[in-house]
C-alpha atoms as a PDB file:
ATOM      1  CA  MET A   1      -0.274   0.001   0.011  1.00  0.00           C
ATOM      2  CA  SER A   2       2.837   2.352   1.332  1.00  0.00           C
ATOM      3  CA  ASP A   3       4.761   1.812  -2.356  1.00  0.00           C
ATOM      4  CA  ARG A   4       1.635   2.281  -4.060  1.00  0.00           C
ATOM      5  CA  LYS A   5       1.306   5.494  -2.418  1.00  0.00           C
ATOM      6  CA  VAL A   6       4.888   6.616  -3.234  1.00  0.00           C
ATOM      7  CA  LYS A   7       4.293   6.136  -6.914  1.00  0.00           C
ATOM      8  CA  LEU A   8       0.847   7.865  -6.706  1.00  0.00           C
ATOM      9  CA  LEU A   9       2.747  10.721  -5.275  1.00  0.00           C
ATOM     10  CA  LYS A  10       5.482  10.780  -7.550  1.00  0.00           C
ATOM     11  CA  ASN A  11       3.230  10.896 -10.374  1.00  0.00           C
ATOM     12  CA  MET A  12       1.248  13.754  -8.996  1.00  0.00           C
ATOM     13  CA  ALA A  13       4.500  15.762  -8.668  1.00  0.00           C
ATOM     14  CA  LEU A  14       5.587  14.755 -12.257  1.00  0.00           C
ATOM     15  CA  LYS A  15       2.496  15.977 -13.704  1.00  0.00           C
ATOM     16  CA  GLU A  16       2.574  19.239 -12.095  1.00  0.00           C
ATOM     17  CA  GLN A  17       6.103  19.883 -13.437  1.00  0.00           C
ATOM     18  CA  ALA A  18       5.003  18.811 -16.934  1.00  0.00           C
ATOM     19  CA  ARG A  19       1.896  21.805 -16.428  1.00  0.00           C
ATOM     20  CA  MET A  20       4.601  24.209 -15.555  1.00  0.00           C
ATOM     21  CA  PRO A  21       6.329  25.095 -18.932  1.00  0.00           C
ATOM     22  CA  GLN A  22       2.904  25.889 -20.643  1.00  0.00           C
ATOM     23  CA  TYR A  23       2.305  28.878 -18.055  1.00  0.00           C
ATOM     24  CA  VAL A  24       6.033  29.963 -17.997  1.00  0.00           C
ATOM     25  CA  GLN A  25       5.852  30.141 -21.830  1.00  0.00           C
ATOM     26  CA  ARG A  26       2.366  32.099 -21.420  1.00  0.00           C
ATOM     27  CA  GLN A  27       4.092  34.362 -18.701  1.00  0.00           C
ATOM     28  CA  LYS A  28       7.326  35.284 -21.117  1.00  0.00           C
ATOM     29  CA  SER A  29       4.843  36.012 -24.155  1.00  0.00           C
ATOM     30  CA  LEU A  30       2.443  38.292 -21.867  1.00  0.00           C
ATOM     31  CA  ILE A  31       5.489  39.934 -20.473  1.00  0.00           C
ATOM     32  CA  LYS A  32       6.844  40.516 -23.977  1.00  0.00           C
ATOM     33  CA  GLU A  33       3.433  41.616 -25.495  1.00  0.00           C
ATOM     34  CA  ILE A  34       3.042  44.372 -22.356  1.00  0.00           C
ATOM     35  CA  THR A  35       6.438  45.528 -22.884  1.00  0.00           C
ATOM     36  CA  HIS A  36       5.383  46.201 -26.350  1.00  0.00           C
ATOM     37  CA  LEU A  37       2.264  47.854 -25.703  1.00  0.00           C
ATOM     38  CA  ASP A  38       4.457  50.249 -22.942  1.00  0.00           C
ATOM     39  CA  ASP A  39       6.695  51.307 -25.950  1.00  0.00           C
ATOM     40  CA  LEU A  40       3.466  51.924 -28.341  1.00  0.00           C
ATOM     41  CA  LEU A  41       1.822  53.592 -25.662  1.00  0.00           C
ATOM     42  CA  VAL A  42       5.292  55.885 -25.294  1.00  0.00           C
ATOM     43  CA  ARG A  43       4.909  56.456 -28.911  1.00  0.00           C
ATOM     44  CA  ILE A  44       1.421  57.555 -29.216  1.00  0.00           C
ATOM     45  CA  LYS A  45       1.913  60.139 -26.368  1.00  0.00           C
ATOM     46  CA  LYS A  46       4.779  61.511 -28.795  1.00  0.00           C
ATOM     47  CA  LEU A  47       2.512  61.729 -31.498  1.00  0.00           C
ATOM     48  CA  ARG A  48      -0.254  63.083 -29.722  1.00  0.00           C
ATOM     49  CA  GLU A  49       2.340  66.091 -28.251  1.00  0.00           C
ATOM     50  CA  ASP A  50       3.259  66.437 -32.094  1.00  0.00           C
ATOM     51  CA  ALA A  51      -0.438  66.664 -32.915  1.00  0.00           C
ATOM     52  CA  ARG A  52      -1.127  69.239 -30.469  1.00  0.00           C
ATOM     53  CA  SER A  53       1.302  71.903 -31.876  1.00  0.00           C
ATOM     54  CA  ASN A  54       0.020  75.291 -31.690  1.00  0.00           C
ATOM     55  CA  ASP A  55       2.585  76.471 -34.905  1.00  0.00           C
ATOM     56  CA  VAL A  56      -0.092  75.909 -37.296  1.00  0.00           C
ATOM     57  CA  MET A  57      -2.630  78.689 -38.314  1.00  0.00           C
ATOM     58  CA  GLN A  58      -4.440  77.108 -41.606  1.00  0.00           C
ATOM     59  CA  ALA A  59      -7.662  75.890 -40.369  1.00  0.00           C
ATOM     60  CA  HIS A  60      -7.785  72.716 -42.221  1.00  0.00           C
ATOM     61  CA  ARG A  61      -4.553  71.779 -40.665  1.00  0.00           C
ATOM     62  CA  LEU A  62      -5.753  72.528 -37.639  1.00  0.00           C
ATOM     63  CA  GLN A  63      -9.024  70.352 -38.011  1.00  0.00           C
ATOM     64  CA  THR A  64      -6.875  67.410 -39.204  1.00  0.00           C
ATOM     65  CA  ASN A  65      -4.409  67.746 -36.240  1.00  0.00           C
ATOM     66  CA  ARG A  66      -7.259  67.603 -33.884  1.00  0.00           C
ATOM     67  CA  TRP A  67      -8.982  64.741 -35.829  1.00  0.00           C
ATOM     68  CA  TYR A  68      -5.580  62.887 -35.254  1.00  0.00           C
ATOM     69  CA  GLU A  69      -5.522  63.968 -31.609  1.00  0.00           C
ATOM     70  CA  LEU A  70      -8.702  62.392 -31.058  1.00  0.00           C
ATOM     71  CA  ARG A  71      -7.884  59.102 -32.738  1.00  0.00           C
ATOM     72  CA  LEU A  72      -4.696  58.793 -31.025  1.00  0.00           C
ATOM     73  CA  ILE A  73      -6.737  59.209 -27.730  1.00  0.00           C
ATOM     74  CA  GLU A  74      -8.743  56.488 -28.589  1.00  0.00           C
ATOM     75  CA  GLU A  75      -6.478  54.357 -29.255  1.00  0.00           C
ATOM     76  CA  MET A  76      -4.463  54.867 -26.033  1.00  0.00           C
ATOM     77  CA  GLN A  77      -7.985  54.189 -24.392  1.00  0.00           C
ATOM     78  CA  THR A  78      -7.903  50.934 -26.039  1.00  0.00           C
ATOM     79  CA  LEU A  79      -4.050  50.320 -25.349  1.00  0.00           C
ATOM     80  CA  ASP A  80      -4.570  50.957 -21.790  1.00  0.00           C
ATOM     81  CA  ASN A  81      -7.584  48.802 -21.234  1.00  0.00           C
ATOM     82  CA  LYS A  82      -5.780  46.296 -23.406  1.00  0.00           C
ATOM     83  CA  LEU A  83      -2.745  46.451 -21.147  1.00  0.00           C
ATOM     84  CA  GLU A  84      -4.595  46.622 -17.918  1.00  0.00           C
ATOM     85  CA  PHE A  85      -6.051  43.086 -18.788  1.00  0.00           C
ATOM     86  CA  LEU A  86      -2.909  41.639 -19.609  1.00  0.00           C
ATOM     87  CA  ARG A  87      -1.458  42.695 -16.622  1.00  0.00           C
ATOM     88  CA  THR A  88      -3.839  41.109 -14.429  1.00  0.00           C
ATOM     89  CA  GLU A  89      -3.490  37.943 -16.524  1.00  0.00           C
ATOM     90  CA  LEU A  90      -0.034  38.258 -15.825  1.00  0.00           C
ATOM     91  CA  GLU A  91      -0.501  38.477 -12.528  1.00  0.00           C
ATOM     92  CA  GLN A  92      -2.573  35.170 -12.435  1.00  0.00           C
ATOM     93  CA  VAL A  93      -0.406  33.297 -14.476  1.00  0.00           C
ATOM     94  CA  THR A  94       2.362  34.357 -12.097  1.00  0.00           C
ATOM     95  CA  ALA A  95       0.116  33.208  -9.093  1.00  0.00           C
ATOM     96  CA  THR A  96      -0.627  29.891 -11.020  1.00  0.00           C
ATOM     97  CA  ILE A  97       2.988  29.150 -11.317  1.00  0.00           C
ATOM     98  CA  ALA A  98       3.850  29.681  -7.855  1.00  0.00           C
ATOM     99  CA  GLN A  99       1.071  27.369  -6.629  1.00  0.00           C
ATOM    100  CA  ILE A 100       2.126  24.600  -9.046  1.00  0.00           C
ATOM    101  CA  GLY A 101       5.804  25.287  -7.740  1.00  0.00           C
ATOM    102  CA  HIS A 102       4.472  24.933  -3.841  1.00  0.00           C
ATOM    103  CA  LYS A 103       2.338  21.923  -4.881  1.00  0.00           C
ATOM    104  CA  VAL A 104       5.332  20.170  -6.748  1.00  0.00           C
ATOM    105  CA  GLN A 105       7.765  20.680  -3.631  1.00  0.00           C
ATOM    106  CA  ARG A 106       4.733  19.642  -0.968  1.00  0.00           C
ATOM    107  CA  VAL A 107       3.478  16.414  -3.010  1.00  0.00           C
ATOM    108  CA  SER A 108       7.478  15.834  -3.421  1.00  0.00           C
ATOM    109  CA  GLU A 109       8.212  16.081   0.334  1.00  0.00           C
ATOM    110  CA  LYS A 110       4.996  13.726   1.264  1.00  0.00           C
ATOM    111  CA  ALA A 111       6.648  11.263  -1.651  1.00  0.00           C
ATOM    112  CA  GLN A 112       9.804  11.119   0.144  1.00  0.00           C
ATOM    113  CA  ASP A 113       8.293  10.763   3.754  1.00  0.00           C
ATOM    114  CA  ALA A 114       6.051   8.057   2.612  1.00  0.00           C
ATOM    115  CA  GLN A 115       9.282   6.288   0.912  1.00  0.00           C
ATOM    116  CA  ARG A 116      11.362   6.383   3.806  1.00  0.00           C
ATOM    117  CA  THR A 117       8.252   5.042   5.990  1.00  0.00           C
ATOM    118  CA  ALA A 118       7.995   2.271   3.511  1.00  0.00           C
ATOM    119  CA  LYS A 119      11.426   1.719   3.636  1.00  0.00           C
ATOM    120  CA  GLN A 120      11.340   1.426   7.573  1.00  0.00           C
ATOM    121  CA  ASP A 121       8.418  -0.893   7.712  1.00  0.00           C
ATOM    122  CA  ARG A 122      10.244  -3.040   5.252  1.00  0.00           C
ATOM    123  CA  GLU A 123      13.521  -2.919   7.246  1.00  0.00           C
ATOM    124  CA  ALA A 124      11.302  -3.629  10.721  1.00  0.00           C
ATOM    125  CA  LYS A 125       9.396  -6.973   8.819  1.00  0.00           C
ATOM    126  CA  GLN A 126      12.704  -7.834   7.796  1.00  0.00           C
ATOM    127  CA  GLU A 127      14.377  -7.543  11.288  1.00  0.00           C
ATOM    128  CA  HIS A 128      11.130  -9.093  12.869  1.00  0.00           C
ATOM    129  CA  ALA A 129      11.528 -12.044   9.910  1.00  0.00           C
ATOM    130  CA  ASN A 130      15.231 -12.700  10.868  1.00  0.00           C
ATOM    131  CA  ALA A 131      14.446 -12.880  14.347  1.00  0.00           C
ATOM    132  CA  ALA A 132      11.386 -15.048  14.301  1.00  0.00           C
ATOM    133  CA  PRO A 133      13.600 -18.323  13.748  1.00  0.00           C
ATOM    134  CA  PHE A 134      15.546 -17.994  16.889  1.00  0.00           C
ATOM    135  CA  ARG A 135      12.180 -17.822  19.196  1.00  0.00           C
ATOM    136  CA  ILE A 136      11.927 -21.021  21.634  1.00  0.00           C
ATOM    137  CA  LYS A 137       8.742 -22.773  21.494  1.00  0.00           C
ATOM    138  CA  ARG A 138       7.083 -23.881  24.710  1.00  0.00           C
ATOM    139  CA  THR A 139       5.012 -26.657  24.935  1.00  0.00           C
END
């Protein structure tokens, strides 16, 4: 029974370890995408400042700049919302990775404890079996 428990616990730990790479890969891709969006937001802010320049005196140019600035504002809001969503998802993925790591550690520790206990039980049975022939039977 205890050997079965040890094998079961080891398999559980291996199963959890097998899940880990997909979460780590997702975490890396989220970090990369967040970095890209941050850079994009910085560039949009620069473009918005350029669109705001007051050195233009022609009416159609002012109207074009204002339209362009409004489009940039909309795009910034969209990117901010996406960035907030991705950061939330990154927090969840990071928490899941931590949980999996903790679970693998705990299950591995339990497997080692069960293995140690099973070994001690086998040794105790072996000692008992070796000591049994020397008993004196009384009649």
